[in-house]
Amino acid sequence: MNTFEFFNEYLGQHLVEQTDNPYADAAKALSSGHLMASGKNSRLGSGWAIVRPGQATVQLKLAATGIHYDDRTRFQAIGEALDTWSGDPAIFMTFDKAPLPADNLFLTVDLRAVRICTPAGVQTFDYTKDPTEHSPQFHRTLFKQRQQHAS
């Protein structure tokens, strides 16, 4: 199963009708407007999502069924997912005003190569090591968060 099939299996299918083109389906799910629980329509334009086998968790409260919803911050949710890593593949996404391009979707399959998928690009880092001054901001923020919780 490739990244786009994985995304659609556990999240995309709850957002858009699936075709025989997993890449196009993922791109449509990431860029289209979706009905929210409030009744309004919204694109995935803020918050975060974590897609794992059998479960997708999203911060934005959509009307779609089959998705778990969680109002923690992106750093809290992704940090906990990494701290309790089961070894199963996952997609970690953050959403901002610009849509997240499907080209920026990557699976994380190892804590030594965590991929945070954002509209601006992909932040990759080794979560088993302390960050350096050259580490992506996401890694430095997760490290600070973990230190605060340890004390």
N, C-alpha and C. Protein backbone atom coordinates (compact mmCIF):
# COMPACT_ATOMS: atom_id res chain seq x y z
N MET A 1 0.85 -1.18 0.00
CA MET A 1 0.00 0.00 0.00
C MET A 1 0.90 1.24 0.00
N ASN A 2 0.67 2.15 -0.95
CA ASN A 2 1.47 3.37 -0.97
C ASN A 2 0.86 4.43 -0.05
N THR A 3 1.53 5.56 0.06
CA THR A 3 1.10 6.62 0.98
C THR A 3 -0.30 7.10 0.67
N PHE A 4 -0.62 7.28 -0.60
CA PHE A 4 -1.94 7.81 -0.97
C PHE A 4 -3.04 6.80 -0.69
N GLU A 5 -2.77 5.53 -0.96
CA GLU A 5 -3.74 4.48 -0.62
C GLU A 5 -3.95 4.41 0.89
N PHE A 6 -2.87 4.52 1.66
CA PHE A 6 -2.94 4.52 3.11
C PHE A 6 -3.81 5.69 3.60
N PHE A 7 -3.53 6.88 3.09
CA PHE A 7 -4.29 8.08 3.46
C PHE A 7 -5.78 7.88 3.18
N ASN A 8 -6.09 7.40 1.98
CA ASN A 8 -7.49 7.23 1.59
C ASN A 8 -8.18 6.12 2.37
N GLU A 9 -7.46 5.05 2.67
CA GLU A 9 -8.05 3.93 3.42
C GLU A 9 -8.53 4.37 4.80
N TYR A 10 -7.76 5.23 5.45
CA TYR A 10 -8.06 5.56 6.84
C TYR A 10 -8.62 6.97 7.06
N LEU A 11 -8.50 7.87 6.07
CA LEU A 11 -9.09 9.20 6.22
C LEU A 11 -9.83 9.66 4.96
N GLY A 12 -9.18 9.63 3.83
CA GLY A 12 -9.76 10.19 2.61
C GLY A 12 -11.12 9.65 2.24
N GLN A 13 -11.33 8.36 2.45
CA GLN A 13 -12.62 7.75 2.10
C GLN A 13 -13.79 8.34 2.91
N HIS A 14 -13.48 8.93 4.07
CA HIS A 14 -14.52 9.55 4.89
C HIS A 14 -14.84 10.98 4.43
N LEU A 15 -13.99 11.51 3.53
CA LEU A 15 -14.13 12.90 3.11
C LEU A 15 -14.60 13.07 1.67
N VAL A 16 -14.13 12.19 0.77
CA VAL A 16 -14.50 12.31 -0.65
C VAL A 16 -14.76 10.92 -1.22
N GLU A 17 -15.57 10.88 -2.26
CA GLU A 17 -15.82 9.62 -2.96
C GLU A 17 -14.53 9.14 -3.60
N GLN A 18 -14.27 7.86 -3.48
CA GLN A 18 -13.03 7.29 -3.99
C GLN A 18 -13.19 6.85 -5.44
N THR A 19 -12.10 7.01 -6.21
CA THR A 19 -12.04 6.58 -7.60
C THR A 19 -10.90 5.56 -7.72
N ASP A 20 -10.46 5.32 -8.90
CA ASP A 20 -9.33 4.41 -9.10
C ASP A 20 -7.99 5.16 -9.13
N ASN A 21 -7.99 6.42 -8.68
CA ASN A 21 -6.78 7.24 -8.67
C ASN A 21 -6.51 7.74 -7.25
N PRO A 22 -5.76 6.97 -6.45
CA PRO A 22 -5.52 7.34 -5.05
C PRO A 22 -4.87 8.71 -4.88
N TYR A 23 -3.96 9.10 -5.77
CA TYR A 23 -3.32 10.41 -5.66
C TYR A 23 -4.35 11.53 -5.83
N ALA A 24 -5.18 11.43 -6.86
CA ALA A 24 -6.20 12.45 -7.11
C ALA A 24 -7.22 12.49 -5.97
N ASP A 25 -7.57 11.33 -5.43
CA ASP A 25 -8.52 11.28 -4.31
C ASP A 25 -7.94 11.97 -3.08
N ALA A 26 -6.66 11.72 -2.80
CA ALA A 26 -6.00 12.36 -1.65
C ALA A 26 -5.93 13.87 -1.86
N ALA A 27 -5.56 14.29 -3.06
CA ALA A 27 -5.47 15.71 -3.36
C ALA A 27 -6.83 16.39 -3.19
N LYS A 28 -7.88 15.73 -3.65
CA LYS A 28 -9.24 16.28 -3.51
C LYS A 28 -9.64 16.37 -2.05
N ALA A 29 -9.35 15.35 -1.26
CA ALA A 29 -9.70 15.37 0.16
C ALA A 29 -8.98 16.50 0.89
N LEU A 30 -7.75 16.76 0.50
CA LEU A 30 -6.95 17.79 1.18
C LEU A 30 -7.30 19.21 0.75
N SER A 31 -7.87 19.37 -0.45
CA SER A 31 -8.12 20.73 -0.95
C SER A 31 -9.60 21.11 -1.02
N SER A 32 -10.50 20.16 -0.87
CA SER A 32 -11.93 20.44 -0.97
C SER A 32 -12.50 20.96 0.34
N GLY A 33 -13.67 21.59 0.23
CA GLY A 33 -14.43 21.96 1.41
C GLY A 33 -15.20 20.75 1.91
N HIS A 34 -15.33 20.65 3.23
CA HIS A 34 -16.03 19.53 3.85
C HIS A 34 -17.06 20.07 4.84
N LEU A 35 -18.16 19.35 4.97
CA LEU A 35 -19.19 19.74 5.92
C LEU A 35 -18.66 19.56 7.34
N MET A 36 -18.79 20.61 8.13
CA MET A 36 -18.36 20.56 9.53
C MET A 36 -19.54 20.17 10.42
N ALA A 37 -19.25 19.79 11.64
CA ALA A 37 -20.30 19.43 12.60
C ALA A 37 -21.24 20.61 12.84
N SER A 38 -20.76 21.83 12.69
CA SER A 38 -21.57 23.03 12.90
C SER A 38 -22.54 23.29 11.75
N GLY A 39 -22.38 22.54 10.64
CA GLY A 39 -23.23 22.74 9.48
C GLY A 39 -22.60 23.60 8.41
N LYS A 40 -21.49 24.26 8.74
CA LYS A 40 -20.78 25.08 7.76
C LYS A 40 -19.87 24.19 6.91
N ASN A 41 -19.39 24.75 5.83
CA ASN A 41 -18.47 24.05 4.94
C ASN A 41 -17.07 24.64 5.15
N SER A 42 -16.06 23.79 5.26
CA SER A 42 -14.71 24.28 5.47
C SER A 42 -13.68 23.34 4.86
N ARG A 43 -12.61 23.91 4.35
CA ARG A 43 -11.47 23.14 3.89
C ARG A 43 -10.62 22.83 5.13
N LEU A 44 -9.77 21.83 5.03
CA LEU A 44 -8.84 21.51 6.13
C LEU A 44 -7.81 22.64 6.17
N GLY A 45 -8.20 23.76 6.78
CA GLY A 45 -7.39 24.97 6.74
C GLY A 45 -6.77 25.36 8.05
N SER A 46 -6.97 24.56 9.07
CA SER A 46 -6.31 24.82 10.35
C SER A 46 -6.30 23.52 11.13
N GLY A 47 -5.34 23.41 12.05
CA GLY A 47 -5.29 22.24 12.91
C GLY A 47 -4.32 21.18 12.45
N TRP A 48 -4.70 19.93 12.67
CA TRP A 48 -3.79 18.81 12.41
C TRP A 48 -4.60 17.54 12.21
N ALA A 49 -3.91 16.50 11.73
CA ALA A 49 -4.51 15.16 11.61
C ALA A 49 -3.40 14.13 11.77
N ILE A 50 -3.76 13.00 12.34
CA ILE A 50 -2.87 11.85 12.44
C ILE A 50 -3.63 10.67 11.85
N VAL A 51 -3.03 10.03 10.86
CA VAL A 51 -3.66 8.89 10.20
C VAL A 51 -2.83 7.66 10.52
N ARG A 52 -3.48 6.68 11.15
CA ARG A 52 -2.84 5.41 11.51
C ARG A 52 -3.73 4.27 11.03
N PRO A 53 -3.19 3.06 10.97
CA PRO A 53 -4.03 1.93 10.55
C PRO A 53 -5.28 1.83 11.43
N GLY A 54 -6.42 1.86 10.78
CA GLY A 54 -7.68 1.70 11.50
C GLY A 54 -8.20 2.96 12.17
N GLN A 55 -7.44 4.07 12.11
CA GLN A 55 -7.91 5.26 12.81
C GLN A 55 -7.32 6.54 12.24
N ALA A 56 -8.19 7.50 12.01
CA ALA A 56 -7.77 8.85 11.66
C ALA A 56 -8.29 9.78 12.74
N THR A 57 -7.43 10.65 13.22
CA THR A 57 -7.80 11.63 14.23
C THR A 57 -7.54 13.01 13.66
N VAL A 58 -8.54 13.88 13.77
CA VAL A 58 -8.48 15.21 13.18
C VAL A 58 -8.89 16.22 14.25
N GLN A 59 -8.25 17.39 14.22
CA GLN A 59 -8.62 18.44 15.17
C GLN A 59 -9.91 19.15 14.73
N LEU A 60 -10.03 19.46 13.46
CA LEU A 60 -11.20 20.18 12.94
C LEU A 60 -12.42 19.26 13.02
N LYS A 61 -13.47 19.71 13.66
CA LYS A 61 -14.65 18.88 13.87
C LYS A 61 -15.53 18.87 12.62
N LEU A 62 -15.33 17.86 11.81
CA LEU A 62 -16.10 17.67 10.58
C LEU A 62 -17.36 16.87 10.88
N ALA A 63 -18.30 16.90 9.96
CA ALA A 63 -19.53 16.11 10.12
C ALA A 63 -19.31 14.66 9.71
N ALA A 64 -18.17 14.36 9.11
CA ALA A 64 -17.89 13.01 8.62
C ALA A 64 -17.84 12.00 9.76
N THR A 65 -18.39 10.82 9.51
CA THR A 65 -18.33 9.74 10.48
C THR A 65 -17.11 8.87 10.20
N GLY A 66 -16.71 8.09 11.18
CA GLY A 66 -15.56 7.20 11.01
C GLY A 66 -14.25 7.87 11.33
N ILE A 67 -14.28 9.10 11.81
CA ILE A 67 -13.08 9.86 12.17
C ILE A 67 -13.17 10.21 13.66
N HIS A 68 -12.04 10.14 14.34
CA HIS A 68 -11.98 10.58 15.73
C HIS A 68 -11.62 12.06 15.75
N TYR A 69 -12.16 12.79 16.72
CA TYR A 69 -11.89 14.22 16.82
C TYR A 69 -11.21 14.51 18.15
N ASP A 70 -10.29 15.46 18.13
CA ASP A 70 -9.45 15.75 19.29
C ASP A 70 -9.09 17.23 19.23
N ASP A 71 -9.29 17.96 20.32
CA ASP A 71 -9.04 19.40 20.29
C ASP A 71 -7.70 19.82 20.89
N ARG A 72 -6.79 18.88 21.12
CA ARG A 72 -5.47 19.26 21.61
C ARG A 72 -4.71 20.03 20.54
N THR A 73 -3.60 20.63 20.93
CA THR A 73 -2.76 21.31 19.95
C THR A 73 -2.03 20.27 19.10
N ARG A 74 -1.53 20.69 17.98
CA ARG A 74 -0.77 19.80 17.10
C ARG A 74 0.44 19.22 17.80
N PHE A 75 1.09 20.02 18.64
CA PHE A 75 2.28 19.54 19.34
C PHE A 75 1.92 18.52 20.42
N GLN A 76 0.82 18.76 21.12
CA GLN A 76 0.38 17.79 22.14
C GLN A 76 0.01 16.45 21.50
N ALA A 77 -0.79 16.50 20.46
CA ALA A 77 -1.28 15.26 19.83
C ALA A 77 -0.15 14.49 19.15
N ILE A 78 0.65 15.17 18.37
CA ILE A 78 1.73 14.48 17.65
C ILE A 78 2.81 14.03 18.62
N GLY A 79 3.11 14.84 19.63
CA GLY A 79 4.08 14.44 20.64
C GLY A 79 3.66 13.17 21.37
N GLU A 80 2.40 13.09 21.76
CA GLU A 80 1.92 11.88 22.44
C GLU A 80 1.96 10.67 21.51
N ALA A 81 1.58 10.88 20.25
CA ALA A 81 1.62 9.77 19.29
C ALA A 81 3.05 9.25 19.12
N LEU A 82 4.01 10.14 19.09
CA LEU A 82 5.40 9.71 18.96
C LEU A 82 5.92 9.07 20.24
N ASP A 83 5.50 9.61 21.39
CA ASP A 83 5.96 9.06 22.68
C ASP A 83 5.38 7.67 22.95
N THR A 84 4.24 7.37 22.34
CA THR A 84 3.60 6.06 22.54
C THR A 84 3.64 5.25 21.25
N TRP A 85 4.63 5.47 20.44
CA TRP A 85 4.77 4.84 19.12
C TRP A 85 4.62 3.33 19.22
N SER A 86 3.76 2.78 18.37
CA SER A 86 3.51 1.34 18.37
C SER A 86 4.32 0.61 17.29
N GLY A 87 4.94 1.38 16.41
CA GLY A 87 5.67 0.78 15.31
C GLY A 87 4.87 0.73 14.02
N ASP A 88 3.57 1.03 14.09
CA ASP A 88 2.73 1.06 12.90
C ASP A 88 2.98 2.35 12.12
N PRO A 89 2.83 2.32 10.80
CA PRO A 89 3.02 3.54 10.02
C PRO A 89 1.97 4.59 10.37
N ALA A 90 2.33 5.84 10.14
CA ALA A 90 1.41 6.95 10.42
C ALA A 90 1.73 8.11 9.49
N ILE A 91 0.71 8.93 9.26
CA ILE A 91 0.90 10.19 8.55
C ILE A 91 0.57 11.29 9.56
N PHE A 92 1.51 12.21 9.75
CA PHE A 92 1.32 13.36 10.64
C PHE A 92 1.19 14.59 9.78
N MET A 93 0.04 15.29 9.89
CA MET A 93 -0.24 16.45 9.05
C MET A 93 -0.61 17.65 9.89
N THR A 94 -0.18 18.82 9.42
CA THR A 94 -0.66 20.07 9.99
C THR A 94 -1.29 20.88 8.87
N PHE A 95 -2.31 21.64 9.21
CA PHE A 95 -3.04 22.41 8.22
C PHE A 95 -2.94 23.89 8.54
N ASP A 96 -2.81 24.70 7.52
CA ASP A 96 -2.78 26.15 7.64
C ASP A 96 -3.68 26.73 6.56
N LYS A 97 -3.58 28.03 6.32
CA LYS A 97 -4.46 28.66 5.33
C LYS A 97 -4.30 28.04 3.95
N ALA A 98 -3.06 27.80 3.53
CA ALA A 98 -2.84 27.18 2.23
C ALA A 98 -3.15 25.69 2.33
N PRO A 99 -3.72 25.09 1.29
CA PRO A 99 -4.00 23.66 1.34
C PRO A 99 -2.70 22.84 1.44
N LEU A 100 -2.81 21.68 2.06
CA LEU A 100 -1.69 20.74 2.13
C LEU A 100 -1.65 20.00 0.80
N PRO A 101 -0.59 20.18 -0.01
CA PRO A 101 -0.53 19.47 -1.29
C PRO A 101 -0.34 17.96 -1.07
N ALA A 102 -0.96 17.17 -1.90
CA ALA A 102 -0.79 15.72 -1.80
C ALA A 102 0.68 15.32 -1.98
N ASP A 103 1.44 16.14 -2.72
CA ASP A 103 2.87 15.86 -2.89
C ASP A 103 3.63 15.91 -1.57
N ASN A 104 3.06 16.55 -0.56
CA ASN A 104 3.71 16.67 0.75
C ASN A 104 3.26 15.57 1.72
N LEU A 105 2.53 14.57 1.24
CA LEU A 105 2.13 13.46 2.11
C LEU A 105 3.22 12.40 2.15
N PHE A 106 3.65 12.05 3.36
CA PHE A 106 4.65 11.00 3.54
C PHE A 106 4.30 10.19 4.77
N LEU A 107 4.56 8.92 4.71
CA LEU A 107 4.39 8.03 5.86
C LEU A 107 5.60 8.14 6.78
N THR A 108 5.34 8.06 8.07
CA THR A 108 6.40 7.86 9.06
C THR A 108 6.34 6.39 9.43
N VAL A 109 7.44 5.70 9.28
CA VAL A 109 7.48 4.27 9.60
C VAL A 109 8.54 3.96 10.66
N ASP A 110 9.27 4.98 11.09
CA ASP A 110 10.36 4.79 12.04
C ASP A 110 10.58 6.11 12.76
N LEU A 111 10.78 6.06 14.07
CA LEU A 111 11.01 7.29 14.85
C LEU A 111 12.30 7.99 14.45
N ARG A 112 13.18 7.28 13.75
CA ARG A 112 14.43 7.90 13.31
C ARG A 112 14.24 8.75 12.05
N ALA A 113 13.05 8.71 11.47
CA ALA A 113 12.74 9.51 10.27
C ALA A 113 11.28 9.94 10.33
N VAL A 114 10.96 10.76 11.33
CA VAL A 114 9.59 11.28 11.47
C VAL A 114 9.38 12.33 10.40
N ARG A 115 8.20 12.26 9.76
CA ARG A 115 7.85 13.21 8.70
C ARG A 115 6.59 13.97 9.13
N ILE A 116 6.72 15.29 9.27
CA ILE A 116 5.57 16.14 9.55
C ILE A 116 5.20 16.82 8.24
N CYS A 117 4.02 16.52 7.73
CA CYS A 117 3.56 17.00 6.44
C CYS A 117 2.82 18.34 6.63
N THR A 118 3.31 19.40 6.01
CA THR A 118 2.72 20.72 6.14
C THR A 118 2.49 21.32 4.76
N PRO A 119 1.68 22.36 4.66
CA PRO A 119 1.51 23.02 3.36
C PRO A 119 2.82 23.58 2.80
N ALA A 120 3.73 23.99 3.68
CA ALA A 120 4.99 24.60 3.23
C ALA A 120 6.05 23.57 2.86
N GLY A 121 5.85 22.32 3.23
CA GLY A 121 6.84 21.30 2.95
C GLY A 121 6.78 20.20 3.99
N VAL A 122 7.82 19.41 4.05
CA VAL A 122 7.86 18.27 4.98
C VAL A 122 9.05 18.46 5.92
N GLN A 123 8.77 18.40 7.21
CA GLN A 123 9.84 18.48 8.21
C GLN A 123 10.20 17.06 8.62
N THR A 124 11.46 16.70 8.46
CA THR A 124 11.94 15.36 8.76
C THR A 124 12.98 15.45 9.86
N PHE A 125 12.86 14.55 10.87
CA PHE A 125 13.82 14.56 11.96
C PHE A 125 13.85 13.21 12.65
N ASP A 126 14.92 12.99 13.42
CA ASP A 126 15.11 11.78 14.21
C ASP A 126 14.60 12.05 15.62
N TYR A 127 13.44 11.49 15.94
CA TYR A 127 12.81 11.74 17.25
C TYR A 127 13.55 11.03 18.38
N THR A 128 14.43 10.11 18.06
CA THR A 128 15.19 9.40 19.10
C THR A 128 16.39 10.21 19.57
N LYS A 129 16.67 11.33 18.92
CA LYS A 129 17.81 12.16 19.28
C LYS A 129 17.34 13.56 19.66
N ASP A 130 18.14 14.22 20.49
CA ASP A 130 17.86 15.61 20.83
C ASP A 130 18.04 16.48 19.59
N PRO A 131 17.25 17.53 19.47
CA PRO A 131 17.40 18.41 18.32
C PRO A 131 18.69 19.23 18.41
N THR A 132 19.12 19.69 17.28
CA THR A 132 20.26 20.60 17.20
C THR A 132 19.75 21.94 16.70
N GLU A 133 20.64 22.88 16.55
CA GLU A 133 20.24 24.19 16.03
C GLU A 133 19.75 24.10 14.59
N HIS A 134 20.10 23.03 13.90
CA HIS A 134 19.68 22.84 12.51
C HIS A 134 18.42 21.98 12.37
N SER A 135 17.90 21.50 13.47
CA SER A 135 16.69 20.66 13.43
C SER A 135 15.47 21.50 13.05
N PRO A 136 14.48 20.87 12.43
CA PRO A 136 13.24 21.61 12.12
C PRO A 136 12.58 22.13 13.40
N GLN A 137 11.86 23.22 13.25
CA GLN A 137 11.19 23.85 14.40
C GLN A 137 10.26 22.86 15.11
N PHE A 138 9.58 22.03 14.36
CA PHE A 138 8.65 21.08 14.97
C PHE A 138 9.38 20.17 15.95
N HIS A 139 10.55 19.69 15.57
CA HIS A 139 11.35 18.82 16.44
C HIS A 139 11.77 19.56 17.70
N ARG A 140 12.23 20.80 17.56
CA ARG A 140 12.65 21.59 18.73
C ARG A 140 11.48 21.84 19.68
N THR A 141 10.31 22.12 19.13
CA THR A 141 9.13 22.37 19.96
C THR A 141 8.70 21.10 20.69
N LEU A 142 8.68 19.97 20.00
CA LEU A 142 8.33 18.69 20.64
C LEU A 142 9.32 18.35 21.75
N PHE A 143 10.59 18.62 21.54
CA PHE A 143 11.62 18.35 22.54
C PHE A 143 11.38 19.20 23.78
N LYS A 144 11.12 20.49 23.62
CA LYS A 144 10.83 21.39 24.75
C LYS A 144 9.59 20.90 25.51
N GLN A 145 8.58 20.51 24.78
CA GLN A 145 7.34 20.02 25.39
C GLN A 145 7.62 18.78 26.23
N ARG A 146 8.42 17.85 25.68
CA ARG A 146 8.75 16.62 26.39
C ARG A 146 9.56 16.92 27.66
N GLN A 147 10.46 17.90 27.59
CA GLN A 147 11.25 18.28 28.76
C GLN A 147 10.35 18.87 29.85
N GLN A 148 9.38 19.69 29.47
CA GLN A 148 8.47 20.31 30.42
C GLN A 148 7.62 19.26 31.12
N HIS A 149 7.20 18.25 30.41
CA HIS A 149 6.38 17.19 31.01
C HIS A 149 7.18 16.26 31.89
N ALA A 150 8.48 16.19 31.62
CA ALA A 150 9.35 15.30 32.42
C ALA A 150 9.66 15.90 33.78
N SER A 151 9.56 17.23 33.90
CA SER A 151 9.88 17.87 35.18
C SER A 151 8.69 18.06 36.07
